[in-house]
Amino acid sequence: MHAFHHKYGYGKRALVEAQISRIKRCIGARLLTRRLESQQREGVIIANLVNRWNSFGKAICVKTA
């Protein structure tokens, strides 16, 4: 099973899916505006926000037990 995960990059896919899930939980699954121009602007704003979040770095998990 480990070879399968390594061969197909399963861990990377799981990280991407987790990131998309976090974005949808925080921002919502849909765009809020109706017009195409507004939706494009909203997409740029969301992308900039996600980039800002990612610039803070990744959480460091420490096993305590």
C-alpha atoms as a PDB file:
ATOM      1  CA  MET A   1       0.000   0.000   0.000  1.00  0.00           C
ATOM      2  CA  HIS A   2       2.853   2.381   0.802  1.00  0.00           C
ATOM      3  CA  ALA A   3       4.341   1.829  -2.663  1.00  0.00           C
ATOM      4  CA  PHE A   4       0.988   2.727  -4.225  1.00  0.00           C
ATOM      5  CA  HIS A   5       0.804   5.969  -2.241  1.00  0.00           C
ATOM      6  CA  HIS A   6       4.380   6.866  -3.131  1.00  0.00           C
ATOM      7  CA  LYS A   7       3.981   5.999  -6.820  1.00  0.00           C
ATOM      8  CA  TYR A   8       0.830   8.064  -7.351  1.00  0.00           C
ATOM      9  CA  GLY A   9       1.627  10.938  -4.986  1.00  0.00           C
ATOM     10  CA  TYR A  10      -1.347  10.201  -2.752  1.00  0.00           C
ATOM     11  CA  GLY A  11      -0.008  12.280   0.131  1.00  0.00           C
ATOM     12  CA  LYS A  12       0.198  15.386  -2.063  1.00  0.00           C
ATOM     13  CA  ARG A  13      -3.363  14.886  -3.235  1.00  0.00           C
ATOM     14  CA  ALA A  14      -4.579  14.575   0.354  1.00  0.00           C
ATOM     15  CA  LEU A  15      -2.809  17.834   1.279  1.00  0.00           C
ATOM     16  CA  VAL A  16      -4.450  19.657  -1.630  1.00  0.00           C
ATOM     17  CA  GLU A  17      -7.888  18.265  -0.769  1.00  0.00           C
ATOM     18  CA  ALA A  18      -7.440  19.304   2.872  1.00  0.00           C
ATOM     19  CA  GLN A  19      -6.484  22.837   1.773  1.00  0.00           C
ATOM     20  CA  ILE A  20      -9.561  23.114  -0.465  1.00  0.00           C
ATOM     21  CA  SER A  21     -11.732  21.851   2.388  1.00  0.00           C
ATOM     22  CA  ARG A  22     -10.327  24.545   4.715  1.00  0.00           C
ATOM     23  CA  ILE A  23     -11.001  27.245   2.124  1.00  0.00           C
ATOM     24  CA  LYS A  24     -14.594  26.091   1.630  1.00  0.00           C
ATOM     25  CA  ARG A  25     -15.223  25.959   5.396  1.00  0.00           C
ATOM     26  CA  CYS A  26     -13.891  29.484   5.936  1.00  0.00           C
ATOM     27  CA  ILE A  27     -15.120  31.263   2.810  1.00  0.00           C
ATOM     28  CA  GLY A  28     -17.956  29.106   1.531  1.00  0.00           C
ATOM     29  CA  ALA A  29     -18.423  26.723  -1.356  1.00  0.00           C
ATOM     30  CA  ARG A  30     -19.883  29.321  -3.749  1.00  0.00           C
ATOM     31  CA  LEU A  31     -19.061  32.780  -4.980  1.00  0.00           C
ATOM     32  CA  LEU A  32     -21.338  35.440  -3.518  1.00  0.00           C
ATOM     33  CA  THR A  33     -21.537  37.807  -6.487  1.00  0.00           C
ATOM     34  CA  ARG A  34     -23.645  37.413  -9.620  1.00  0.00           C
ATOM     35  CA  ARG A  35     -21.903  39.304 -12.416  1.00  0.00           C
ATOM     36  CA  LEU A  36     -18.931  37.715 -14.177  1.00  0.00           C
ATOM     37  CA  GLU A  37     -16.660  40.709 -13.552  1.00  0.00           C
ATOM     38  CA  SER A  38     -17.491  40.664  -9.849  1.00  0.00           C
ATOM     39  CA  GLN A  39     -16.929  36.907  -9.666  1.00  0.00           C
ATOM     40  CA  GLN A  40     -13.515  37.317 -11.275  1.00  0.00           C
ATOM     41  CA  ARG A  41     -12.606  40.003  -8.723  1.00  0.00           C
ATOM     42  CA  GLU A  42     -13.901  37.822  -5.912  1.00  0.00           C
ATOM     43  CA  GLY A  43     -11.760  34.920  -7.165  1.00  0.00           C
ATOM     44  CA  VAL A  44      -8.650  37.117  -7.149  1.00  0.00           C
ATOM     45  CA  ILE A  45      -9.429  38.302  -3.614  1.00  0.00           C
ATOM     46  CA  ILE A  46      -9.893  34.714  -2.404  1.00  0.00           C
ATOM     47  CA  ALA A  47      -6.637  33.628  -4.074  1.00  0.00           C
ATOM     48  CA  ASN A  48      -4.773  36.508  -2.417  1.00  0.00           C
ATOM     49  CA  LEU A  49      -6.305  35.608   0.943  1.00  0.00           C
ATOM     50  CA  VAL A  50      -5.284  31.949   0.616  1.00  0.00           C
ATOM     51  CA  ASN A  51      -1.754  33.005  -0.358  1.00  0.00           C
ATOM     52  CA  ARG A  52      -1.628  35.214   2.744  1.00  0.00           C
ATOM     53  CA  TRP A  53      -2.775  32.306   4.927  1.00  0.00           C
ATOM     54  CA  ASN A  54      -0.127  30.042   3.394  1.00  0.00           C
ATOM     55  CA  SER A  55       2.586  32.645   4.000  1.00  0.00           C
ATOM     56  CA  PHE A  56       2.059  32.233   7.754  1.00  0.00           C
ATOM     57  CA  GLY A  57       3.591  28.774   7.487  1.00  0.00           C
ATOM     58  CA  LYS A  58       2.541  25.264   8.307  1.00  0.00           C
ATOM     59  CA  ALA A  59       1.503  24.248  11.801  1.00  0.00           C
ATOM     60  CA  ILE A  60       4.047  22.199  13.717  1.00  0.00           C
ATOM     61  CA  CYS A  61       2.473  19.196  15.419  1.00  0.00           C
ATOM     62  CA  VAL A  62       4.223  17.643  18.402  1.00  0.00           C
ATOM     63  CA  LYS A  63       3.300  14.246  19.783  1.00  0.00           C
ATOM     64  CA  THR A  64       2.878  14.548  23.547  1.00  0.00           C
ATOM     65  CA  ALA A  65       2.025  11.017  24.600  1.00  0.00           C
END
